[in-house]
Amino acid sequence: MLTATAASHPKLPDVPPAAKTSTKTPSKSAPKGRKGSAKAAKIQLRSLDDVPAVLDAAACIGAAIGHSRRDAPLAFSGVWGGIRGLLAATLTRHTPHVLVLLPQAVDADIVAGDVRAFGINDVVALPLSAGDGTGSSIRDADYAARLQVLQSLRARDSDSLEPLVVTAYIGAAIQRVPSVDRLTRATRKLSVGDEVDPAEIRRWLAEAGF
């Protein structure tokens, strides 16, 4: 998993507005016989899905990642507003798993939506729970939502190379979560037509905190 912070890496360039359909090179006429190279200099923007590739090329993000040590942090300046989601989407071109930590709780859903707008389908926002992780927390709607996020991550193929972006308020990221083993024991799949022992279900629910 690659993490990046907004600090002192070379500033990200301005991203062209979505309304524009292409970026243009300086308005010099291409010499005869070099029309192919002039055409190659243009980057077509058909949708927002193409913007991460433009940023990647303009800011040399791939080169920065390639030249850095695996355990060394990368810092980028100018990362605010919609650029946060754009940078996260761009990073998935080089690593399948990106964790975005944010200073405000409301930002998790906002940035997750921005990442989806730039073409990343598997994006989850980790909610902040008012609960303390004990049995009574099961009645907290936000805690239940956190469990849903954990279940979706647990169900994901760990070897998948499909991009995954997780956004979280820093306070939500440091909250305790059930271990994988505890989550497995507290999960039960029921299908239509299954026969279950009511006493067993009551005991299982009681152990889970209901």
Protein backbone atom coordinates (compact mmCIF):
# COMPACT_ATOMS: atom_id res chain seq x y z
CA MET A 1 0.00 0.00 0.00
CA LEU A 2 1.32 3.42 -0.92
CA THR A 3 0.60 6.47 1.21
CA ALA A 4 1.41 10.04 0.31
CA THR A 5 1.22 13.24 2.30
CA ALA A 6 0.64 16.81 1.18
CA ALA A 7 3.92 18.54 1.92
CA SER A 8 7.05 19.39 0.00
CA HIS A 9 7.21 17.37 -3.25
CA PRO A 10 7.25 19.46 -6.45
CA LYS A 11 3.92 21.19 -6.79
CA LEU A 12 1.23 19.46 -8.81
CA PRO A 13 0.37 21.35 -11.99
CA ASP A 14 -3.01 22.93 -12.58
CA VAL A 15 -5.45 20.37 -13.97
CA PRO A 16 -7.30 21.46 -17.11
CA PRO A 17 -11.06 22.03 -16.60
CA ALA A 18 -13.26 19.04 -17.41
CA ALA A 19 -15.03 21.09 -20.09
CA LYS A 20 -11.89 21.10 -22.24
CA THR A 21 -11.54 18.17 -24.56
CA SER A 22 -7.80 18.32 -25.17
CA THR A 23 -4.61 19.99 -24.09
CA LYS A 24 -2.80 21.95 -26.79
CA THR A 25 0.86 22.34 -27.51
CA PRO A 26 2.25 25.82 -28.37
CA SER A 27 0.67 27.16 -31.52
CA LYS A 28 3.69 26.71 -33.78
CA SER A 29 3.04 25.05 -37.06
CA ALA A 30 4.52 21.59 -37.18
CA PRO A 31 7.21 21.21 -39.84
CA LYS A 32 6.26 19.17 -42.84
CA GLY A 33 6.95 15.53 -42.35
CA ARG A 34 6.48 15.74 -38.54
CA LYS A 35 2.70 15.78 -38.35
CA GLY A 36 2.72 12.46 -36.53
CA SER A 37 4.83 13.80 -33.65
CA ALA A 38 2.67 16.91 -33.33
CA LYS A 39 -0.41 14.75 -33.05
CA ALA A 40 1.26 12.58 -30.41
CA ALA A 41 1.89 15.68 -28.28
CA LYS A 42 -1.86 16.14 -27.77
CA ILE A 43 -3.61 14.25 -24.99
CA GLN A 44 -7.28 13.67 -25.68
CA LEU A 45 -9.63 14.14 -22.73
CA ARG A 46 -12.78 12.22 -23.50
CA SER A 47 -13.99 12.12 -19.89
CA LEU A 48 -12.81 12.62 -16.32
CA ASP A 49 -11.45 9.06 -16.44
CA ASP A 50 -8.60 10.37 -18.63
CA VAL A 51 -7.49 13.15 -16.26
CA PRO A 52 -5.34 10.93 -13.95
CA ALA A 53 -3.18 9.96 -16.94
CA VAL A 54 -2.68 13.65 -17.78
CA LEU A 55 -1.65 14.47 -14.20
CA ASP A 56 0.60 11.41 -14.07
CA ALA A 57 2.47 12.53 -17.18
CA ALA A 58 2.59 16.25 -16.32
CA ALA A 59 3.78 15.81 -12.71
CA CYS A 60 6.06 12.80 -13.39
CA ILE A 61 4.41 10.94 -10.50
CA GLY A 62 5.43 7.54 -11.84
CA ALA A 63 9.06 8.65 -12.03
CA ALA A 64 8.93 10.01 -8.47
CA ILE A 65 7.55 6.70 -7.20
CA GLY A 66 10.10 4.72 -9.19
CA HIS A 67 13.03 6.73 -7.82
CA SER A 68 11.91 6.58 -4.18
CA ARG A 69 12.70 3.79 -1.74
CA ARG A 70 9.84 1.41 -1.05
CA ASP A 71 9.63 2.45 2.60
CA ALA A 72 10.22 6.17 2.00
CA PRO A 73 7.27 8.61 2.18
CA LEU A 74 6.39 10.78 -0.80
CA ALA A 75 5.17 14.34 -0.24
CA PHE A 76 3.16 16.45 -2.69
CA SER A 77 2.27 20.12 -2.34
CA GLY A 78 -0.88 21.81 -3.65
CA VAL A 79 -3.11 18.86 -2.68
CA TRP A 80 -6.47 20.28 -1.61
CA GLY A 81 -10.10 20.24 -2.74
CA GLY A 82 -10.79 17.99 -5.71
CA ILE A 83 -7.04 17.44 -6.26
CA ARG A 84 -7.07 15.01 -3.32
CA GLY A 85 -9.33 12.57 -5.16
CA LEU A 86 -7.47 13.14 -8.42
CA LEU A 87 -4.11 12.37 -6.81
CA ALA A 88 -5.50 9.19 -5.20
CA ALA A 89 -6.89 8.04 -8.57
CA THR A 90 -3.54 8.82 -10.22
CA LEU A 91 -1.61 6.82 -7.61
CA THR A 92 -3.68 3.72 -8.43
CA ARG A 93 -1.90 3.68 -11.80
CA HIS A 94 1.20 2.58 -9.88
CA THR A 95 -0.14 0.70 -6.84
CA PRO A 96 -3.51 -1.08 -6.47
CA HIS A 97 -4.12 -0.04 -2.85
CA VAL A 98 -4.28 3.58 -1.74
CA LEU A 99 -5.23 4.85 1.73
CA VAL A 100 -6.25 8.51 1.97
CA LEU A 101 -6.17 10.01 5.49
CA LEU A 102 -8.07 13.26 5.90
CA PRO A 103 -8.19 16.00 8.57
CA GLN A 104 -11.99 16.25 8.78
CA ALA A 105 -14.63 13.51 9.09
CA VAL A 106 -16.86 15.00 6.39
CA ASP A 107 -14.01 14.80 3.85
CA ALA A 108 -13.99 10.99 3.70
CA ASP A 109 -17.25 10.78 1.72
CA ILE A 110 -16.41 13.85 -0.38
CA VAL A 111 -13.01 12.54 -1.48
CA ALA A 112 -14.43 9.05 -2.07
CA GLY A 113 -16.96 10.59 -4.46
CA ASP A 114 -14.22 12.52 -6.24
CA VAL A 115 -12.14 9.35 -6.69
CA ARG A 116 -15.16 7.59 -8.26
CA ALA A 117 -15.62 10.54 -10.62
CA PHE A 118 -12.09 9.93 -11.92
CA GLY A 119 -12.89 6.33 -12.88
CA ILE A 120 -12.04 4.23 -9.80
CA ASN A 121 -14.97 1.93 -9.02
CA ASP A 122 -13.80 0.23 -5.83
CA VAL A 123 -13.78 3.10 -3.32
CA VAL A 124 -14.88 2.90 0.32
CA ALA A 125 -15.12 5.59 3.00
CA LEU A 126 -14.51 4.40 6.55
CA PRO A 127 -17.02 6.11 8.89
CA LEU A 128 -16.19 7.51 12.30
CA SER A 129 -18.07 5.71 15.08
CA ALA A 130 -19.20 7.23 18.36
CA GLY A 131 -19.02 3.75 19.90
CA ASP A 132 -16.07 2.34 21.79
CA GLY A 133 -15.88 -1.02 20.03
CA THR A 134 -17.65 -2.93 22.81
CA GLY A 135 -20.82 -4.99 22.51
CA SER A 136 -23.09 -1.97 22.95
CA SER A 137 -21.53 -0.38 19.85
CA ILE A 138 -23.51 -2.78 17.67
CA ARG A 139 -26.50 -0.45 18.13
CA ASP A 140 -24.51 2.47 16.72
CA ALA A 141 -25.42 3.00 13.06
CA ASP A 142 -21.93 4.30 12.23
CA TYR A 143 -20.31 1.31 13.92
CA ALA A 144 -22.55 -0.96 11.83
CA ALA A 145 -21.46 0.95 8.73
CA ARG A 146 -17.81 0.41 9.72
CA LEU A 147 -18.51 -3.33 9.95
CA GLN A 148 -19.98 -3.25 6.45
CA VAL A 149 -16.80 -1.62 5.17
CA LEU A 150 -14.66 -4.23 6.93
CA GLN A 151 -16.81 -7.03 5.49
CA SER A 152 -16.40 -5.65 1.97
CA LEU A 153 -12.62 -5.43 2.44
CA ARG A 154 -12.56 -8.94 3.93
CA ALA A 155 -14.45 -10.31 0.92
CA ARG A 156 -12.05 -8.71 -1.55
CA ASP A 157 -9.48 -10.96 -3.21
CA SER A 158 -6.17 -10.08 -1.55
CA ASP A 159 -4.33 -10.87 -4.80
CA SER A 160 -6.56 -8.63 -6.91
CA LEU A 161 -4.79 -5.93 -8.90
CA GLU A 162 -8.00 -3.94 -9.35
CA PRO A 163 -7.53 -0.48 -7.79
CA LEU A 164 -8.90 -0.01 -4.27
CA VAL A 165 -9.02 3.37 -2.53
CA VAL A 166 -9.99 3.71 1.14
CA THR A 167 -10.70 7.20 2.47
CA ALA A 168 -10.87 7.91 6.19
CA TYR A 169 -10.82 10.73 8.69
CA ILE A 170 -7.66 10.26 10.76
CA GLY A 171 -9.78 9.75 13.90
CA ALA A 172 -11.75 6.97 12.18
CA ALA A 173 -8.57 5.29 10.97
CA ILE A 174 -7.15 4.92 14.49
CA GLN A 175 -10.38 3.60 16.04
CA ARG A 176 -10.32 -0.04 17.04
CA VAL A 177 -11.89 -2.59 14.71
CA PRO A 178 -12.65 -6.30 15.26
CA SER A 179 -9.89 -8.70 14.29
CA VAL A 180 -10.36 -10.78 11.14
CA ASP A 181 -10.91 -13.87 13.31
CA ARG A 182 -13.57 -12.17 15.45
CA LEU A 183 -15.27 -10.78 12.36
CA THR A 184 -15.34 -14.26 10.82
CA ARG A 185 -16.91 -15.76 13.96
CA ALA A 186 -19.52 -12.98 14.05
CA THR A 187 -20.52 -13.53 10.41
CA ARG A 188 -23.16 -16.00 9.38
CA LYS A 189 -24.57 -16.46 5.90
CA LEU A 190 -28.21 -17.51 5.60
CA SER A 191 -29.93 -18.42 2.36
CA VAL A 192 -33.57 -18.93 1.47
CA GLY A 193 -34.58 -22.48 2.38
CA ASP A 194 -31.91 -22.99 5.06
CA GLU A 195 -33.07 -24.65 8.28
CA VAL A 196 -31.56 -23.28 11.50
CA ASP A 197 -32.01 -24.05 15.16
CA PRO A 198 -33.68 -21.00 16.81
CA ALA A 199 -31.83 -21.64 20.07
CA GLU A 200 -28.51 -21.67 18.24
CA ILE A 201 -29.33 -18.40 16.47
CA ARG A 202 -30.32 -16.74 19.77
CA ARG A 203 -27.06 -17.88 21.38
CA TRP A 204 -25.03 -16.66 18.40
CA LEU A 205 -26.75 -13.25 18.44
CA ALA A 206 -26.22 -12.91 22.21
CA GLU A 207 -22.51 -13.66 21.83
CA ALA A 208 -22.33 -10.99 19.10
CA GLY A 209 -23.78 -8.37 21.44
CA PHE A 210 -27.43 -8.26 20.37
